[in-house]
PDB file of N, CA and C in Angstrom:
ATOM      1  N   MET A   1       4.297 -10.135   9.543  1.00  0.00           N
ATOM      2  CA  MET A   1       5.017 -10.560  10.760  1.00  0.00           C
ATOM      3  C   MET A   1       4.911 -12.079  10.978  1.00  0.00           C
ATOM      4  N   GLY A   2       6.205 -12.674  11.190  1.00  0.00           N
ATOM      5  CA  GLY A   2       6.258 -14.192  11.458  1.00  0.00           C
ATOM      6  C   GLY A   2       6.415 -14.408  12.895  1.00  0.00           C
ATOM      7  N   THR A   3       6.829 -15.466  13.199  1.00  0.00           N
ATOM      8  CA  THR A   3       7.088 -15.786  14.557  1.00  0.00           C
ATOM      9  C   THR A   3       8.535 -15.976  14.793  1.00  0.00           C
ATOM     10  N   ALA A   4       8.802 -16.033  16.279  1.00  0.00           N
ATOM     11  CA  ALA A   4      10.247 -16.023  16.584  1.00  0.00           C
ATOM     12  C   ALA A   4      10.757 -17.219  16.123  1.00  0.00           C
ATOM     13  N   ASN A   5      10.346 -18.272  15.942  1.00  0.00           N
ATOM     14  CA  ASN A   5      10.956 -19.610  15.753  1.00  0.00           C
ATOM     15  C   ASN A   5      11.254 -19.648  14.180  1.00  0.00           C
ATOM     16  N   GLU A   6      11.161 -18.733  13.445  1.00  0.00           N
ATOM     17  CA  GLU A   6      11.494 -18.756  12.136  1.00  0.00           C
ATOM     18  C   GLU A   6      12.924 -17.955  11.934  1.00  0.00           C
ATOM     19  N   ILE A   7      13.440 -17.618  13.184  1.00  0.00           N
ATOM     20  CA  ILE A   7      14.784 -16.916  13.282  1.00  0.00           C
ATOM     21  C   ILE A   7      15.579 -18.021  14.164  1.00  0.00           C
ATOM     22  N   GLN A   8      16.945 -18.141  13.880  1.00  0.00           N
ATOM     23  CA  GLN A   8      17.740 -18.772  14.489  1.00  0.00           C
ATOM     24  C   GLN A   8      19.098 -18.065  14.893  1.00  0.00           C
ATOM     25  N   ILE A   9      19.899 -18.561  15.911  1.00  0.00           N
ATOM     26  CA  ILE A   9      21.236 -18.128  15.935  1.00  0.00           C
ATOM     27  C   ILE A   9      22.182 -19.278  15.755  1.00  0.00           C
ATOM     28  N   VAL A  10      23.171 -18.992  14.836  1.00  0.00           N
ATOM     29  CA  VAL A  10      24.042 -20.179  14.454  1.00  0.00           C
ATOM     30  C   VAL A  10      25.207 -19.668  15.289  1.00  0.00           C
ATOM     31  N   PHE A  11      25.834 -20.928  15.969  1.00  0.00           N
ATOM     32  CA  PHE A  11      27.171 -20.500  16.556  1.00  0.00           C
ATOM     33  C   PHE A  11      28.061 -21.154  15.825  1.00  0.00           C
ATOM     34  N   CYS A  12      29.409 -20.710  15.612  1.00  0.00           N
ATOM     35  CA  CYS A  12      30.540 -21.308  15.086  1.00  0.00           C
ATOM     36  C   CYS A  12      31.780 -20.594  15.664  1.00  0.00           C
ATOM     37  N   THR A  13      32.788 -21.578  15.911  1.00  0.00           N
ATOM     38  CA  THR A  13      34.021 -20.786  16.310  1.00  0.00           C
ATOM     39  C   THR A  13      35.107 -21.038  15.229  1.00  0.00           C
ATOM     40  N   VAL A  14      35.902 -20.090  14.971  1.00  0.00           N
ATOM     41  CA  VAL A  14      36.823 -19.912  14.083  1.00  0.00           C
ATOM     42  C   VAL A  14      38.191 -19.706  14.809  1.00  0.00           C
ATOM     43  N   PRO A  15      39.412 -20.140  14.117  1.00  0.00           N
ATOM     44  CA  PRO A  15      40.568 -19.812  14.769  1.00  0.00           C
ATOM     45  C   PRO A  15      41.137 -18.426  14.912  1.00  0.00           C
ATOM     46  N   ASP A  16      40.623 -17.585  14.044  1.00  0.00           N
ATOM     47  CA  ASP A  16      40.933 -16.087  14.316  1.00  0.00           C
ATOM     48  C   ASP A  16      40.075 -15.213  13.788  1.00  0.00           C
ATOM     49  N   SER A  17      40.235 -13.945  13.965  1.00  0.00           N
ATOM     50  CA  SER A  17      39.266 -12.888  13.483  1.00  0.00           C
ATOM     51  C   SER A  17      39.230 -12.663  11.942  1.00  0.00           C
ATOM     52  N   ASP A  18      40.302 -12.990  11.240  1.00  0.00           N
ATOM     53  CA  ASP A  18      40.452 -12.722   9.864  1.00  0.00           C
ATOM     54  C   ASP A  18      39.495 -13.706   9.011  1.00  0.00           C
ATOM     55  N   ILE A  19      39.415 -14.972   9.666  1.00  0.00           N
ATOM     56  CA  ILE A  19      38.727 -16.065   9.285  1.00  0.00           C
ATOM     57  C   ILE A  19      37.105 -15.718   9.418  1.00  0.00           C
ATOM     58  N   GLY A  20      36.985 -15.276  10.705  1.00  0.00           N
ATOM     59  CA  GLY A  20      35.740 -14.875  11.092  1.00  0.00           C
ATOM     60  C   GLY A  20      34.978 -13.700  10.371  1.00  0.00           C
ATOM     61  N   HIS A  21      35.839 -12.726   9.895  1.00  0.00           N
ATOM     62  CA  HIS A  21      35.367 -11.658   9.189  1.00  0.00           C
ATOM     63  C   HIS A  21      34.904 -12.143   7.763  1.00  0.00           C
ATOM     64  N   ARG A  22      35.746 -13.002   7.041  1.00  0.00           N
ATOM     65  CA  ARG A  22      35.641 -13.434   5.865  1.00  0.00           C
ATOM     66  C   ARG A  22      34.159 -14.250   5.854  1.00  0.00           C
ATOM     67  N   ILE A  23      34.058 -15.086   6.753  1.00  0.00           N
ATOM     68  CA  ILE A  23      32.753 -15.907   6.884  1.00  0.00           C
ATOM     69  C   ILE A  23      31.594 -14.876   7.079  1.00  0.00           C
ATOM     70  N   ALA A  24      31.599 -14.038   7.958  1.00  0.00           N
ATOM     71  CA  ALA A  24      30.696 -13.019   8.282  1.00  0.00           C
ATOM     72  C   ALA A  24      30.329 -12.258   6.897  1.00  0.00           C
ATOM     73  N   ALA A  25      31.256 -11.707   6.424  1.00  0.00           N
ATOM     74  CA  ALA A  25      31.101 -10.907   5.217  1.00  0.00           C
ATOM     75  C   ALA A  25      30.319 -11.572   4.180  1.00  0.00           C
ATOM     76  N   GLN A  26      30.645 -12.671   4.109  1.00  0.00           N
ATOM     77  CA  GLN A  26      30.005 -13.725   2.959  1.00  0.00           C
ATOM     78  C   GLN A  26      28.550 -14.064   3.291  1.00  0.00           C
ATOM     79  N   LEU A  27      28.357 -14.186   4.565  1.00  0.00           N
ATOM     80  CA  LEU A  27      27.021 -14.557   4.952  1.00  0.00           C
ATOM     81  C   LEU A  27      26.157 -13.433   4.849  1.00  0.00           C
ATOM     82  N   VAL A  28      26.601 -12.358   5.193  1.00  0.00           N
ATOM     83  CA  VAL A  28      25.830 -10.973   5.184  1.00  0.00           C
ATOM     84  C   VAL A  28      25.620 -10.638   3.567  1.00  0.00           C
ATOM     85  N   GLU A  29      26.554 -10.745   2.934  1.00  0.00           N
ATOM     86  CA  GLU A  29      26.546 -10.198   1.578  1.00  0.00           C
ATOM     87  C   GLU A  29      25.543 -11.142   0.808  1.00  0.00           C
ATOM     88  N   TYR A  30      25.536 -12.462   0.938  1.00  0.00           N
ATOM     89  CA  TYR A  30      24.623 -13.310   0.377  1.00  0.00           C
ATOM     90  C   TYR A  30      23.178 -13.186   0.779  1.00  0.00           C
ATOM     91  N   GLY A  31      22.889 -12.567   1.892  1.00  0.00           N
ATOM     92  CA  GLY A  31      21.528 -12.438   2.521  1.00  0.00           C
ATOM     93  C   GLY A  31      21.465 -13.614   3.365  1.00  0.00           C
ATOM     94  N   LEU A  32      22.186 -14.287   3.669  1.00  0.00           N
ATOM     95  CA  LEU A  32      21.868 -15.552   4.793  1.00  0.00           C
ATOM     96  C   LEU A  32      21.981 -15.058   6.121  1.00  0.00           C
ATOM     97  N   ALA A  33      22.610 -14.024   6.419  1.00  0.00           N
ATOM     98  CA  ALA A  33      22.460 -13.583   7.944  1.00  0.00           C
ATOM     99  C   ALA A  33      22.249 -12.021   7.825  1.00  0.00           C
ATOM    100  N   ALA A  34      21.397 -11.631   8.837  1.00  0.00           N
ATOM    101  CA  ALA A  34      21.229 -10.198   8.877  1.00  0.00           C
ATOM    102  C   ALA A  34      22.388  -9.397   9.683  1.00  0.00           C
ATOM    103  N   CYS A  35      23.150 -10.359  10.661  1.00  0.00           N
ATOM    104  CA  CYS A  35      24.194  -9.730  11.328  1.00  0.00           C
ATOM    105  C   CYS A  35      24.970 -10.922  11.947  1.00  0.00           C
ATOM    106  N   VAL A  36      26.432 -10.796  11.826  1.00  0.00           N
ATOM    107  CA  VAL A  36      27.194 -11.763  12.608  1.00  0.00           C
ATOM    108  C   VAL A  36      28.022 -10.975  13.625  1.00  0.00           C
ATOM    109  N   ASN A  37      28.093 -11.396  14.853  1.00  0.00           N
ATOM    110  CA  ASN A  37      28.873 -10.824  15.975  1.00  0.00           C
ATOM    111  C   ASN A  37      30.113 -11.645  16.031  1.00  0.00           C
ATOM    112  N   LEU A  38      31.153 -11.091  16.121  1.00  0.00           N
ATOM    113  CA  LEU A  38      32.445 -11.781  16.330  1.00  0.00           C
ATOM    114  C   LEU A  38      33.030 -11.618  17.669  1.00  0.00           C
ATOM    115  N   ILE A  39      32.996 -12.592  18.583  1.00  0.00           N
ATOM    116  CA  ILE A  39      33.291 -12.318  19.934  1.00  0.00           C
ATOM    117  C   ILE A  39      34.754 -13.172  20.014  1.00  0.00           C
ATOM    118  N   PRO A  40      35.854 -12.174  20.165  1.00  0.00           N
ATOM    119  CA  PRO A  40      37.090 -12.832  20.328  1.00  0.00           C
ATOM    120  C   PRO A  40      37.309 -13.203  21.975  1.00  0.00           C
ATOM    121  N   GLY A  41      38.505 -14.089  22.025  1.00  0.00           N
ATOM    122  CA  GLY A  41      38.909 -14.242  23.385  1.00  0.00           C
ATOM    123  C   GLY A  41      38.176 -15.493  23.895  1.00  0.00           C
ATOM    124  N   ILE A  42      37.643 -16.364  22.951  1.00  0.00           N
ATOM    125  CA  ILE A  42      37.134 -17.552  23.455  1.00  0.00           C
ATOM    126  C   ILE A  42      38.125 -18.641  23.726  1.00  0.00           C
ATOM    127  N   GLU A  43      38.100 -19.337  24.752  1.00  0.00           N
ATOM    128  CA  GLU A  43      39.039 -20.392  25.313  1.00  0.00           C
ATOM    129  C   GLU A  43      38.226 -21.634  24.967  1.00  0.00           C
ATOM    130  N   SER A  44      38.759 -22.536  24.068  1.00  0.00           N
ATOM    131  CA  SER A  44      38.031 -23.900  24.042  1.00  0.00           C
ATOM    132  C   SER A  44      38.997 -25.014  24.371  1.00  0.00           C
ATOM    133  N   VAL A  45      38.380 -25.917  25.231  1.00  0.00           N
ATOM    134  CA  VAL A  45      39.050 -26.964  25.791  1.00  0.00           C
ATOM    135  C   VAL A  45      38.254 -28.349  25.310  1.00  0.00           C
ATOM    136  N   TYR A  46      38.740 -29.217  24.434  1.00  0.00           N
ATOM    137  CA  TYR A  46      38.057 -30.250  23.885  1.00  0.00           C
ATOM    138  C   TYR A  46      38.959 -31.555  23.658  1.00  0.00           C
ATOM    139  N   ARG A  47      38.364 -32.378  23.341  1.00  0.00           N
ATOM    140  CA  ARG A  47      39.031 -33.710  23.137  1.00  0.00           C
ATOM    141  C   ARG A  47      38.951 -33.957  21.593  1.00  0.00           C
ATOM    142  N   TRP A  48      40.100 -33.968  20.872  1.00  0.00           N
ATOM    143  CA  TRP A  48      40.040 -34.294  19.286  1.00  0.00           C
ATOM    144  C   TRP A  48      41.162 -35.364  19.199  1.00  0.00           C
ATOM    145  N   LYS A  49      40.470 -36.360  18.538  1.00  0.00           N
ATOM    146  CA  LYS A  49      41.204 -37.790  18.115  1.00  0.00           C
ATOM    147  C   LYS A  49      42.083 -38.199  19.393  1.00  0.00           C
ATOM    148  N   GLY A  50      41.352 -38.311  20.326  1.00  0.00           N
ATOM    149  CA  GLY A  50      42.088 -38.898  21.557  1.00  0.00           C
ATOM    150  C   GLY A  50      42.922 -38.104  22.409  1.00  0.00           C
ATOM    151  N   LYS A  51      43.110 -36.789  21.897  1.00  0.00           N
ATOM    152  CA  LYS A  51      43.977 -35.899  22.558  1.00  0.00           C
ATOM    153  C   LYS A  51      43.293 -34.717  23.386  1.00  0.00           C
ATOM    154  N   LEU A  52      43.716 -34.376  24.376  1.00  0.00           N
ATOM    155  CA  LEU A  52      43.043 -33.356  25.084  1.00  0.00           C
ATOM    156  C   LEU A  52      43.664 -31.692  24.261  1.00  0.00           C
ATOM    157  N   GLU A  53      42.824 -30.800  23.941  1.00  0.00           N
ATOM    158  CA  GLU A  53      43.353 -29.705  22.929  1.00  0.00           C
ATOM    159  C   GLU A  53      42.777 -28.471  23.785  1.00  0.00           C
ATOM    160  N   LYS A  54      43.577 -27.340  23.869  1.00  0.00           N
ATOM    161  CA  LYS A  54      43.116 -26.076  24.171  1.00  0.00           C
ATOM    162  C   LYS A  54      43.514 -25.155  23.252  1.00  0.00           C
ATOM    163  N   GLU A  55      42.488 -24.372  22.790  1.00  0.00           N
ATOM    164  CA  GLU A  55      42.861 -23.353  21.784  1.00  0.00           C
ATOM    165  C   GLU A  55      42.200 -22.021  22.049  1.00  0.00           C
ATOM    166  N   SER A  56      42.684 -20.888  21.434  1.00  0.00           N
ATOM    167  CA  SER A  56      41.942 -19.540  21.530  1.00  0.00           C
ATOM    168  C   SER A  56      41.199 -19.575  20.290  1.00  0.00           C
ATOM    169  N   GLU A  57      39.906 -19.041  20.244  1.00  0.00           N
ATOM    170  CA  GLU A  57      39.196 -18.951  19.126  1.00  0.00           C
ATOM    171  C   GLU A  57      38.149 -17.778  19.143  1.00  0.00           C
ATOM    172  N   VAL A  58      37.727 -17.468  17.970  1.00  0.00           N
ATOM    173  CA  VAL A  58      36.671 -16.301  18.005  1.00  0.00           C
ATOM    174  C   VAL A  58      35.261 -17.165  17.821  1.00  0.00           C
ATOM    175  N   LEU A  59      34.257 -16.582  18.383  1.00  0.00           N
ATOM    176  CA  LEU A  59      33.069 -17.182  18.324  1.00  0.00           C
ATOM    177  C   LEU A  59      32.220 -16.239  17.470  1.00  0.00           C
ATOM    178  N   LEU A  60      31.574 -16.718  16.340  1.00  0.00           N
ATOM    179  CA  LEU A  60      30.428 -16.215  15.553  1.00  0.00           C
ATOM    180  C   LEU A  60      29.180 -16.480  15.964  1.00  0.00           C
ATOM    181  N   MET A  61      28.327 -15.394  15.948  1.00  0.00           N
ATOM    182  CA  MET A  61      27.098 -15.489  16.491  1.00  0.00           C
ATOM    183  C   MET A  61      26.187 -14.982  15.500  1.00  0.00           C
ATOM    184  N   ILE A  62      25.667 -15.874  14.557  1.00  0.00           N
ATOM    185  CA  ILE A  62      25.095 -15.525  13.433  1.00  0.00           C
ATOM    186  C   ILE A  62      23.505 -15.420  13.307  1.00  0.00           C
ATOM    187  N   LYS A  63      22.655 -14.456  13.111  1.00  0.00           N
ATOM    188  CA  LYS A  63      21.515 -14.113  13.220  1.00  0.00           C
ATOM    189  C   LYS A  63      20.963 -14.425  11.865  1.00  0.00           C
ATOM    190  N   SER A  64      19.854 -15.508  11.583  1.00  0.00           N
ATOM    191  CA  SER A  64      19.720 -15.921  10.402  1.00  0.00           C
ATOM    192  C   SER A  64      18.276 -16.472  10.347  1.00  0.00           C
ATOM    193  N   ARG A  65      17.713 -16.609   9.265  1.00  0.00           N
ATOM    194  CA  ARG A  65      16.376 -17.106   9.051  1.00  0.00           C
ATOM    195  C   ARG A  65      16.520 -18.729   9.201  1.00  0.00           C
ATOM    196  N   SER A  66      15.743 -19.491   9.868  1.00  0.00           N
ATOM    197  CA  SER A  66      15.897 -20.841   9.780  1.00  0.00           C
ATOM    198  C   SER A  66      15.844 -21.584   8.569  1.00  0.00           C
ATOM    199  N   ALA A  67      15.049 -21.063   7.588  1.00  0.00           N
ATOM    200  CA  ALA A  67      14.832 -21.634   6.252  1.00  0.00           C
ATOM    201  C   ALA A  67      16.174 -21.648   5.628  1.00  0.00           C
ATOM    202  N   ASP A  68      17.282 -20.707   6.066  1.00  0.00           N
ATOM    203  CA  ASP A  68      18.449 -20.670   5.340  1.00  0.00           C
ATOM    204  C   ASP A  68      19.469 -21.331   5.951  1.00  0.00           C
ATOM    205  N   TYR A  69      19.230 -22.407   6.869  1.00  0.00           N
ATOM    206  CA  TYR A  69      20.313 -23.079   7.670  1.00  0.00           C
ATOM    207  C   TYR A  69      21.261 -23.871   6.710  1.00  0.00           C
ATOM    208  N   THR A  70      20.518 -24.578   5.715  1.00  0.00           N
ATOM    209  CA  THR A  70      21.350 -25.225   4.704  1.00  0.00           C
ATOM    210  C   THR A  70      22.422 -24.462   4.077  1.00  0.00           C
ATOM    211  N   ASP A  71      22.078 -23.427   3.652  1.00  0.00           N
ATOM    212  CA  ASP A  71      22.759 -22.445   2.715  1.00  0.00           C
ATOM    213  C   ASP A  71      23.988 -21.892   3.690  1.00  0.00           C
ATOM    214  N   VAL A  72      23.553 -21.590   5.042  1.00  0.00           N
ATOM    215  CA  VAL A  72      24.612 -20.915   5.996  1.00  0.00           C
ATOM    216  C   VAL A  72      25.503 -22.095   6.126  1.00  0.00           C
ATOM    217  N   GLU A  73      25.120 -23.211   6.589  1.00  0.00           N
ATOM    218  CA  GLU A  73      26.038 -24.268   6.726  1.00  0.00           C
ATOM    219  C   GLU A  73      27.144 -24.605   5.550  1.00  0.00           C
ATOM    220  N   ALA A  74      26.428 -24.493   4.417  1.00  0.00           N
ATOM    221  CA  ALA A  74      27.313 -24.828   3.194  1.00  0.00           C
ATOM    222  C   ALA A  74      28.571 -23.740   3.031  1.00  0.00           C
ATOM    223  N   THR A  75      27.827 -22.406   3.372  1.00  0.00           N
ATOM    224  CA  THR A  75      28.877 -21.231   3.290  1.00  0.00           C
ATOM    225  C   THR A  75      29.952 -21.355   4.211  1.00  0.00           C
ATOM    226  N   ILE A  76      29.552 -21.626   5.418  1.00  0.00           N
ATOM    227  CA  ILE A  76      30.516 -21.662   6.582  1.00  0.00           C
ATOM    228  C   ILE A  76      31.612 -22.937   6.031  1.00  0.00           C
ATOM    229  N   SER A  77      31.035 -23.865   5.761  1.00  0.00           N
ATOM    230  CA  SER A  77      31.932 -25.098   5.574  1.00  0.00           C
ATOM    231  C   SER A  77      32.844 -24.929   4.363  1.00  0.00           C
ATOM    232  N   ALA A  78      32.430 -24.214   3.447  1.00  0.00           N
ATOM    233  CA  ALA A  78      33.156 -23.882   2.225  1.00  0.00           C
ATOM    234  C   ALA A  78      34.482 -22.998   2.645  1.00  0.00           C
ATOM    235  N   LEU A  79      34.296 -22.084   3.830  1.00  0.00           N
ATOM    236  CA  LEU A  79      35.493 -21.274   3.969  1.00  0.00           C
ATOM    237  C   LEU A  79      36.096 -21.494   5.275  1.00  0.00           C
ATOM    238  N   HIS A  80      35.664 -22.482   6.011  1.00  0.00           N
ATOM    239  CA  HIS A  80      36.157 -22.766   7.223  1.00  0.00           C
ATOM    240  C   HIS A  80      37.578 -23.846   7.162  1.00  0.00           C
ATOM    241  N   PRO A  81      38.529 -23.447   7.979  1.00  0.00           N
ATOM    242  CA  PRO A  81      39.654 -24.287   7.924  1.00  0.00           C
ATOM    243  C   PRO A  81      39.606 -25.458   8.499  1.00  0.00           C
ATOM    244  N   TYR A  82      38.867 -25.773   9.627  1.00  0.00           N
ATOM    245  CA  TYR A  82      38.914 -26.869  10.384  1.00  0.00           C
ATOM    246  C   TYR A  82      38.205 -28.139   9.540  1.00  0.00           C
ATOM    247  N   GLU A  83      38.737 -29.329   9.959  1.00  0.00           N
ATOM    248  CA  GLU A  83      38.264 -30.598   9.364  1.00  0.00           C
ATOM    249  C   GLU A  83      36.846 -30.718   9.859  1.00  0.00           C
ATOM    250  N   LEU A  84      36.333 -30.465  11.140  1.00  0.00           N
ATOM    251  CA  LEU A  84      35.204 -30.527  11.457  1.00  0.00           C
ATOM    252  C   LEU A  84      34.823 -29.152  12.347  1.00  0.00           C
ATOM    253  N   PRO A  85      34.289 -28.174  11.621  1.00  0.00           N
ATOM    254  CA  PRO A  85      33.786 -27.224  12.190  1.00  0.00           C
ATOM    255  C   PRO A  85      32.664 -27.275  13.194  1.00  0.00           C
ATOM    256  N   GLU A  86      32.640 -26.439  14.258  1.00  0.00           N
ATOM    257  CA  GLU A  86      31.403 -26.254  15.071  1.00  0.00           C
ATOM    258  C   GLU A  86      30.442 -25.549  14.205  1.00  0.00           C
ATOM    259  N   ILE A  87      29.395 -25.929  13.978  1.00  0.00           N
ATOM    260  CA  ILE A  87      28.248 -25.317  13.264  1.00  0.00           C
ATOM    261  C   ILE A  87      27.044 -25.580  14.085  1.00  0.00           C
ATOM    262  N   ILE A  88      26.518 -24.845  14.924  1.00  0.00           N
ATOM    263  CA  ILE A  88      25.260 -25.526  15.602  1.00  0.00           C
ATOM    264  C   ILE A  88      24.215 -24.522  15.556  1.00  0.00           C
ATOM    265  N   ALA A  89      22.908 -24.630  15.279  1.00  0.00           N
ATOM    266  CA  ALA A  89      21.883 -23.644  15.295  1.00  0.00           C
ATOM    267  C   ALA A  89      20.857 -23.729  16.482  1.00  0.00           C
ATOM    268  N   VAL A  90      20.466 -22.563  17.117  1.00  0.00           N
ATOM    269  CA  VAL A  90      19.481 -22.638  18.211  1.00  0.00           C
ATOM    270  C   VAL A  90      18.355 -21.688  17.554  1.00  0.00           C
ATOM    271  N   PRO A  91      17.108 -22.341  17.744  1.00  0.00           N
ATOM    272  CA  PRO A  91      15.933 -21.401  17.403  1.00  0.00           C
ATOM    273  C   PRO A  91      15.579 -20.653  18.445  1.00  0.00           C
ATOM    274  N   LEU A  92      14.949 -19.380  17.986  1.00  0.00           N
ATOM    275  CA  LEU A  92      14.545 -18.387  18.982  1.00  0.00           C
ATOM    276  C   LEU A  92      13.152 -18.708  19.518  1.00  0.00           C
ATOM    277  N   SER A  93      12.913 -18.510  20.753  1.00  0.00           N
ATOM    278  CA  SER A  93      11.369 -18.706  21.176  1.00  0.00           C
ATOM    279  C   SER A  93      10.741 -17.333  21.370  1.00  0.00           C
ATOM    280  N   ASN A  94      11.493 -16.224  21.312  1.00  0.00           N
ATOM    281  CA  ASN A  94      10.915 -14.920  21.514  1.00  0.00           C
ATOM    282  C   ASN A  94      12.014 -13.897  21.117  1.00  0.00           C
ATOM    283  N   GLY A  95      11.589 -12.688  20.938  1.00  0.00           N
ATOM    284  CA  GLY A  95      12.474 -11.538  20.631  1.00  0.00           C
ATOM    285  C   GLY A  95      11.714 -10.530  20.153  1.00  0.00           C
ATOM    286  N   LEU A  96      12.334  -9.249  20.268  1.00  0.00           N
ATOM    287  CA  LEU A  96      11.824  -7.952  19.960  1.00  0.00           C
ATOM    288  C   LEU A  96      11.097  -8.041  18.542  1.00  0.00           C
ATOM    289  N   PRO A  97      10.058  -8.076  18.234  1.00  0.00           N
ATOM    290  CA  PRO A  97       9.212  -8.014  17.063  1.00  0.00           C
ATOM    291  C   PRO A  97       9.969  -7.251  15.925  1.00  0.00           C
ATOM    292  N   GLY A  98      10.241  -6.180  16.206  1.00  0.00           N
ATOM    293  CA  GLY A  98      10.844  -5.326  15.224  1.00  0.00           C
ATOM    294  C   GLY A  98      12.270  -5.721  14.659  1.00  0.00           C
ATOM    295  N   TYR A  99      13.152  -6.319  15.842  1.00  0.00           N
ATOM    296  CA  TYR A  99      14.187  -6.997  15.216  1.00  0.00           C
ATOM    297  C   TYR A  99      14.143  -8.132  14.646  1.00  0.00           C
ATOM    298  N   LEU A 100      13.186  -8.992  14.818  1.00  0.00           N
ATOM    299  CA  LEU A 100      13.030 -10.175  14.263  1.00  0.00           C
ATOM    300  C   LEU A 100      12.374  -9.940  12.670  1.00  0.00           C
ATOM    301  N   ASP A 101      11.599  -8.914  12.659  1.00  0.00           N
ATOM    302  CA  ASP A 101      11.252  -8.452  11.224  1.00  0.00           C
ATOM    303  C   ASP A 101      12.296  -7.960  10.454  1.00  0.00           C
ATOM    304  N   TRP A 102      13.334  -7.284  11.064  1.00  0.00           N
ATOM    305  CA  TRP A 102      14.558  -6.854  10.438  1.00  0.00           C
ATOM    306  C   TRP A 102      15.396  -8.202   9.703  1.00  0.00           C
ATOM    307  N   VAL A 103      15.598  -9.035  10.714  1.00  0.00           N
ATOM    308  CA  VAL A 103      16.429 -10.341  10.410  1.00  0.00           C
ATOM    309  C   VAL A 103      15.563 -10.938   9.099  1.00  0.00           C
ATOM    310  N   ARG A 104      14.445 -10.931   9.210  1.00  0.00           N
ATOM    311  CA  ARG A 104      13.608 -11.716   7.996  1.00  0.00           C
ATOM    312  C   ARG A 104      13.913 -10.726   6.765  1.00  0.00           C
ATOM    313  N   THR A 105      13.718  -9.461   6.894  1.00  0.00           N
ATOM    314  CA  THR A 105      13.994  -8.617   5.571  1.00  0.00           C
ATOM    315  C   THR A 105      15.142  -8.398   4.947  1.00  0.00           C
ATOM    316  N   VAL A 106      16.220  -8.564   5.873  1.00  0.00           N
ATOM    317  CA  VAL A 106      17.556  -8.523   5.266  1.00  0.00           C
ATOM    318  C   VAL A 106      17.893  -9.438   4.157  1.00  0.00           C
ATOM    319  N   HIS A 107      17.192 -10.727   4.343  1.00  0.00           N
ATOM    320  CA  HIS A 107      17.433 -11.691   3.434  1.00  0.00           C
ATOM    321  C   HIS A 107      16.941 -11.230   2.140  1.00  0.00           C
ATOM    322  N   ASN A 108      15.700 -10.688   2.190  1.00  0.00           N
ATOM    323  CA  ASN A 108      15.291 -10.088   0.935  1.00  0.00           C
ATOM    324  C   ASN A 108      16.077  -9.041   0.018  1.00  0.00           C
ATOM    325  N   GLU A 109      16.626  -8.309   0.878  1.00  0.00           N
ATOM    326  CA  GLU A 109      17.224  -6.945   0.494  1.00  0.00           C
ATOM    327  C   GLU A 109      18.347  -7.404  -0.355  1.00  0.00           C
ATOM    328  N   ALA A 110      19.119  -8.560   0.014  1.00  0.00           N
ATOM    329  CA  ALA A 110      20.483  -9.001  -0.490  1.00  0.00           C
ATOM    330  C   ALA A 110      20.165  -9.716  -1.875  1.00  0.00           C
ATOM    331  N   LYS A 111      18.859 -10.092  -2.295  1.00  0.00           N
ATOM    332  CA  LYS A 111      18.635 -10.807  -3.592  1.00  0.00           C
ATOM    333  C   LYS A 111      18.544  -9.672  -4.652  1.00  0.00           C
TER     334      LYS A 111
END
C-alpha cells in the first residue's frame, strides 16, 4: 500500500465528447489512467490571443499515478486538437485506501 500523493487527478478540457472518449480510451488502454470521467456541459470563458472567448467543452477528470504524468501529458497532447490544451495535475492528499490501491494496480494490469 502506498500513499495518496502517488495518485493524481489530471484535468483536461476538450471540445467535444468524441475527442474526450478517444483520449480516455487510449489512456485507460495504455494503463496510464485507472478511470477517466467525462463531464459534459462545461462553459469556459477565457482570453486567447487578445480576444475574449466562450466555448462549450467537456472536462476530463483523469485518475492516474503521479509517476505516469509525463506519459499522460504526451498521450493527451498527441490526440488533442487545441494548439495549447489545458493539462493540469493535482496531487491527492487523501482517499479511500482501497480505491487508491485500485488506481495503482490498474497500471500494472495493462502491461
